[in-house]
Amino acid sequence: MDRMFRVLAFWTGIFAVMFYLGHMPTTSLIFFGQTVFFLFLGFLKLTERMYIYIFGAYLTIFFAAFTYWTTFMMVPGMGE
């Protein structure tokens, strides 16, 4: 299970670089932060149950923040 967090770190790192190259520095920093978080967790050698609990908490926080952002912060028609 710890290897999967390293895989997540790899992919969030790839996304961070792509966001940076796409001139999206704020999003890039968020993904770099996630990369460091996942890489740190990947080397902790926790139990599989603990990794599942951490991932569930991560998803809960992410979905709550994403829902808040898309509902209250995004301006309709801004991308047009």
N, C-alpha and C. Protein backbone atom coordinates (compact mmCIF):
# COMPACT_ATOMS: atom_id res chain seq x y z
N MET A 1 0.83 -1.20 0.00
CA MET A 1 0.00 0.00 0.00
C MET A 1 0.87 1.26 0.00
N ASP A 2 2.02 1.20 0.63
CA ASP A 2 2.89 2.38 0.64
C ASP A 2 3.37 2.72 -0.77
N ARG A 3 3.51 1.71 -1.62
CA ARG A 3 3.93 1.98 -3.00
C ARG A 3 2.86 2.75 -3.77
N MET A 4 1.60 2.51 -3.45
CA MET A 4 0.53 3.23 -4.14
C MET A 4 0.56 4.72 -3.81
N PHE A 5 0.96 5.06 -2.59
CA PHE A 5 1.09 6.48 -2.26
C PHE A 5 2.28 7.10 -3.00
N ARG A 6 3.32 6.31 -3.25
CA ARG A 6 4.42 6.82 -4.07
C ARG A 6 3.99 6.99 -5.52
N VAL A 7 3.12 6.10 -5.99
CA VAL A 7 2.56 6.25 -7.35
C VAL A 7 1.71 7.51 -7.42
N LEU A 8 0.89 7.75 -6.39
CA LEU A 8 0.11 8.98 -6.34
C LEU A 8 1.02 10.21 -6.34
N ALA A 9 2.13 10.12 -5.61
CA ALA A 9 3.08 11.23 -5.58
C ALA A 9 3.66 11.46 -6.97
N PHE A 10 3.97 10.39 -7.68
CA PHE A 10 4.51 10.52 -9.03
C PHE A 10 3.51 11.25 -9.94
N TRP A 11 2.25 10.81 -9.92
CA TRP A 11 1.27 11.40 -10.82
C TRP A 11 0.90 12.83 -10.43
N THR A 12 0.82 13.12 -9.14
CA THR A 12 0.55 14.51 -8.76
C THR A 12 1.75 15.39 -9.12
N GLY A 13 2.95 14.83 -9.07
CA GLY A 13 4.13 15.57 -9.51
C GLY A 13 4.08 15.87 -11.00
N ILE A 14 3.65 14.89 -11.79
CA ILE A 14 3.51 15.10 -13.23
C ILE A 14 2.48 16.21 -13.50
N PHE A 15 1.35 16.13 -12.80
CA PHE A 15 0.32 17.16 -12.98
C PHE A 15 0.85 18.53 -12.55
N ALA A 16 1.62 18.58 -11.47
CA ALA A 16 2.17 19.86 -11.01
C ALA A 16 3.07 20.49 -12.06
N VAL A 17 3.92 19.67 -12.66
CA VAL A 17 4.81 20.18 -13.71
C VAL A 17 4.00 20.67 -14.90
N MET A 18 2.98 19.91 -15.29
CA MET A 18 2.16 20.32 -16.43
C MET A 18 1.39 21.62 -16.14
N PHE A 19 0.87 21.75 -14.92
CA PHE A 19 0.20 23.00 -14.55
C PHE A 19 1.18 24.16 -14.56
N TYR A 20 2.40 23.93 -14.10
CA TYR A 20 3.41 24.98 -14.10
C TYR A 20 3.75 25.41 -15.53
N LEU A 21 3.93 24.43 -16.40
CA LEU A 21 4.23 24.75 -17.80
C LEU A 21 3.04 25.40 -18.51
N GLY A 22 1.84 25.18 -18.00
CA GLY A 22 0.64 25.79 -18.56
C GLY A 22 0.32 27.15 -17.95
N HIS A 23 1.29 27.72 -17.22
CA HIS A 23 1.14 29.05 -16.61
C HIS A 23 -0.02 29.10 -15.61
N MET A 24 -0.09 28.06 -14.77
CA MET A 24 -1.10 28.00 -13.71
C MET A 24 -0.36 27.78 -12.38
N PRO A 25 0.31 28.82 -11.88
CA PRO A 25 1.20 28.63 -10.71
C PRO A 25 0.48 28.23 -9.43
N THR A 26 -0.72 28.73 -9.19
CA THR A 26 -1.43 28.39 -7.96
C THR A 26 -1.80 26.91 -7.94
N THR A 27 -2.35 26.44 -9.02
CA THR A 27 -2.70 25.02 -9.12
C THR A 27 -1.45 24.16 -9.04
N SER A 28 -0.39 24.61 -9.65
CA SER A 28 0.87 23.88 -9.60
C SER A 28 1.38 23.74 -8.17
N LEU A 29 1.30 24.80 -7.39
CA LEU A 29 1.74 24.73 -5.99
C LEU A 29 0.87 23.78 -5.16
N ILE A 30 -0.41 23.77 -5.43
CA ILE A 30 -1.30 22.84 -4.73
C ILE A 30 -0.90 21.40 -5.03
N PHE A 31 -0.62 21.12 -6.29
CA PHE A 31 -0.24 19.76 -6.65
C PHE A 31 1.16 19.40 -6.17
N PHE A 32 2.06 20.37 -6.12
CA PHE A 32 3.38 20.09 -5.52
C PHE A 32 3.23 19.75 -4.04
N GLY A 33 2.33 20.45 -3.35
CA GLY A 33 2.07 20.15 -1.94
C GLY A 33 1.51 18.74 -1.77
N GLN A 34 0.59 18.34 -2.65
CA GLN A 34 0.06 16.99 -2.59
C GLN A 34 1.14 15.97 -2.88
N THR A 35 2.05 16.29 -3.79
CA THR A 35 3.14 15.39 -4.11
C THR A 35 4.01 15.14 -2.89
N VAL A 36 4.37 16.19 -2.18
CA VAL A 36 5.18 16.05 -0.98
C VAL A 36 4.44 15.25 0.08
N PHE A 37 3.14 15.52 0.25
CA PHE A 37 2.32 14.80 1.22
C PHE A 37 2.28 13.30 0.91
N PHE A 38 2.01 12.95 -0.34
CA PHE A 38 1.94 11.53 -0.71
C PHE A 38 3.30 10.86 -0.63
N LEU A 39 4.35 11.56 -1.00
CA LEU A 39 5.69 10.98 -0.91
C LEU A 39 6.07 10.73 0.55
N PHE A 40 5.74 11.66 1.42
CA PHE A 40 5.99 11.49 2.85
C PHE A 40 5.24 10.27 3.39
N LEU A 41 3.97 10.14 3.02
CA LEU A 41 3.18 8.99 3.49
C LEU A 41 3.70 7.68 2.92
N GLY A 42 4.25 7.73 1.71
CA GLY A 42 4.74 6.52 1.07
C GLY A 42 5.92 5.89 1.78
N PHE A 43 6.63 6.66 2.57
CA PHE A 43 7.80 6.13 3.26
C PHE A 43 7.59 5.91 4.75
N LEU A 44 6.36 6.04 5.23
CA LEU A 44 6.09 5.90 6.66
C LEU A 44 5.97 4.44 7.12
N LYS A 45 5.70 3.52 6.20
CA LYS A 45 5.53 2.10 6.54
C LYS A 45 4.41 1.88 7.55
N LEU A 46 3.25 2.47 7.29
CA LEU A 46 2.09 2.29 8.16
C LEU A 46 1.37 0.99 7.79
N THR A 47 0.37 0.64 8.58
CA THR A 47 -0.42 -0.54 8.24
C THR A 47 -1.36 -0.20 7.09
N GLU A 48 -1.84 -1.23 6.43
CA GLU A 48 -2.72 -1.01 5.29
C GLU A 48 -4.01 -0.32 5.73
N ARG A 49 -4.51 -0.68 6.89
CA ARG A 49 -5.73 -0.06 7.41
C ARG A 49 -5.52 1.44 7.62
N MET A 50 -4.38 1.81 8.15
CA MET A 50 -4.10 3.22 8.40
C MET A 50 -3.99 3.99 7.09
N TYR A 51 -3.37 3.38 6.08
CA TYR A 51 -3.29 4.03 4.77
C TYR A 51 -4.69 4.25 4.19
N ILE A 52 -5.58 3.29 4.36
CA ILE A 52 -6.95 3.44 3.87
C ILE A 52 -7.67 4.57 4.61
N TYR A 53 -7.49 4.63 5.94
CA TYR A 53 -8.11 5.71 6.72
C TYR A 53 -7.59 7.08 6.27
N ILE A 54 -6.29 7.19 6.06
CA ILE A 54 -5.71 8.47 5.62
C ILE A 54 -6.23 8.85 4.25
N PHE A 55 -6.31 7.88 3.34
CA PHE A 55 -6.81 8.17 2.00
C PHE A 55 -8.28 8.57 2.04
N GLY A 56 -9.07 7.91 2.88
CA GLY A 56 -10.48 8.28 3.03
C GLY A 56 -10.64 9.69 3.56
N ALA A 57 -9.81 10.07 4.54
CA ALA A 57 -9.85 11.43 5.08
C ALA A 57 -9.43 12.44 4.01
N TYR A 58 -8.41 12.10 3.24
CA TYR A 58 -7.95 12.97 2.15
C TYR A 58 -9.08 13.19 1.14
N LEU A 59 -9.75 12.12 0.74
CA LEU A 59 -10.84 12.26 -0.23
C LEU A 59 -12.00 13.08 0.32
N THR A 60 -12.32 12.89 1.59
CA THR A 60 -13.41 13.65 2.20
C THR A 60 -13.09 15.14 2.20
N ILE A 61 -11.89 15.49 2.60
CA ILE A 61 -11.48 16.90 2.62
C ILE A 61 -11.45 17.47 1.20
N PHE A 62 -10.91 16.69 0.25
CA PHE A 62 -10.84 17.17 -1.12
C PHE A 62 -12.22 17.42 -1.70
N PHE A 63 -13.13 16.47 -1.55
CA PHE A 63 -14.46 16.63 -2.12
C PHE A 63 -15.24 17.77 -1.48
N ALA A 64 -15.08 17.96 -0.17
CA ALA A 64 -15.74 19.08 0.49
C ALA A 64 -15.19 20.40 -0.02
N ALA A 65 -13.87 20.51 -0.14
CA ALA A 65 -13.27 21.75 -0.64
C ALA A 65 -13.62 21.99 -2.11
N PHE A 66 -13.61 20.95 -2.91
CA PHE A 66 -13.93 21.08 -4.33
C PHE A 66 -15.38 21.51 -4.52
N THR A 67 -16.29 20.93 -3.74
CA THR A 67 -17.70 21.29 -3.82
C THR A 67 -17.91 22.74 -3.39
N TYR A 68 -17.24 23.15 -2.32
CA TYR A 68 -17.34 24.54 -1.87
C TYR A 68 -16.82 25.48 -2.96
N TRP A 69 -15.67 25.15 -3.54
CA TRP A 69 -15.07 26.02 -4.55
C TRP A 69 -15.97 26.14 -5.77
N THR A 70 -16.46 25.03 -6.27
CA THR A 70 -17.27 25.09 -7.49
C THR A 70 -18.64 25.72 -7.24
N THR A 71 -19.15 25.63 -6.02
CA THR A 71 -20.47 26.20 -5.73
C THR A 71 -20.40 27.69 -5.43
N PHE A 72 -19.43 28.11 -4.63
CA PHE A 72 -19.43 29.48 -4.14
C PHE A 72 -18.33 30.39 -4.72
N MET A 73 -17.26 29.83 -5.23
CA MET A 73 -16.14 30.67 -5.66
C MET A 73 -16.04 30.84 -7.18
N MET A 74 -16.47 29.85 -7.93
CA MET A 74 -16.36 29.94 -9.39
C MET A 74 -17.41 30.90 -9.94
N VAL A 75 -17.01 31.70 -10.89
CA VAL A 75 -17.93 32.65 -11.52
C VAL A 75 -18.50 31.98 -12.76
N PRO A 76 -19.83 31.88 -12.87
CA PRO A 76 -20.42 31.26 -14.06
C PRO A 76 -20.03 32.01 -15.34
N GLY A 77 -19.64 31.27 -16.35
CA GLY A 77 -19.27 31.86 -17.63
C GLY A 77 -17.89 32.47 -17.67
N MET A 78 -17.08 32.22 -16.65
CA MET A 78 -15.75 32.84 -16.58
C MET A 78 -14.82 32.28 -17.65
N GLY A 79 -15.00 31.03 -18.03
CA GLY A 79 -14.10 30.41 -18.99
C GLY A 79 -14.39 30.73 -20.44
N GLU A 80 -15.45 31.45 -20.69
CA GLU A 80 -15.82 31.74 -22.08
C GLU A 80 -15.07 32.90 -22.65
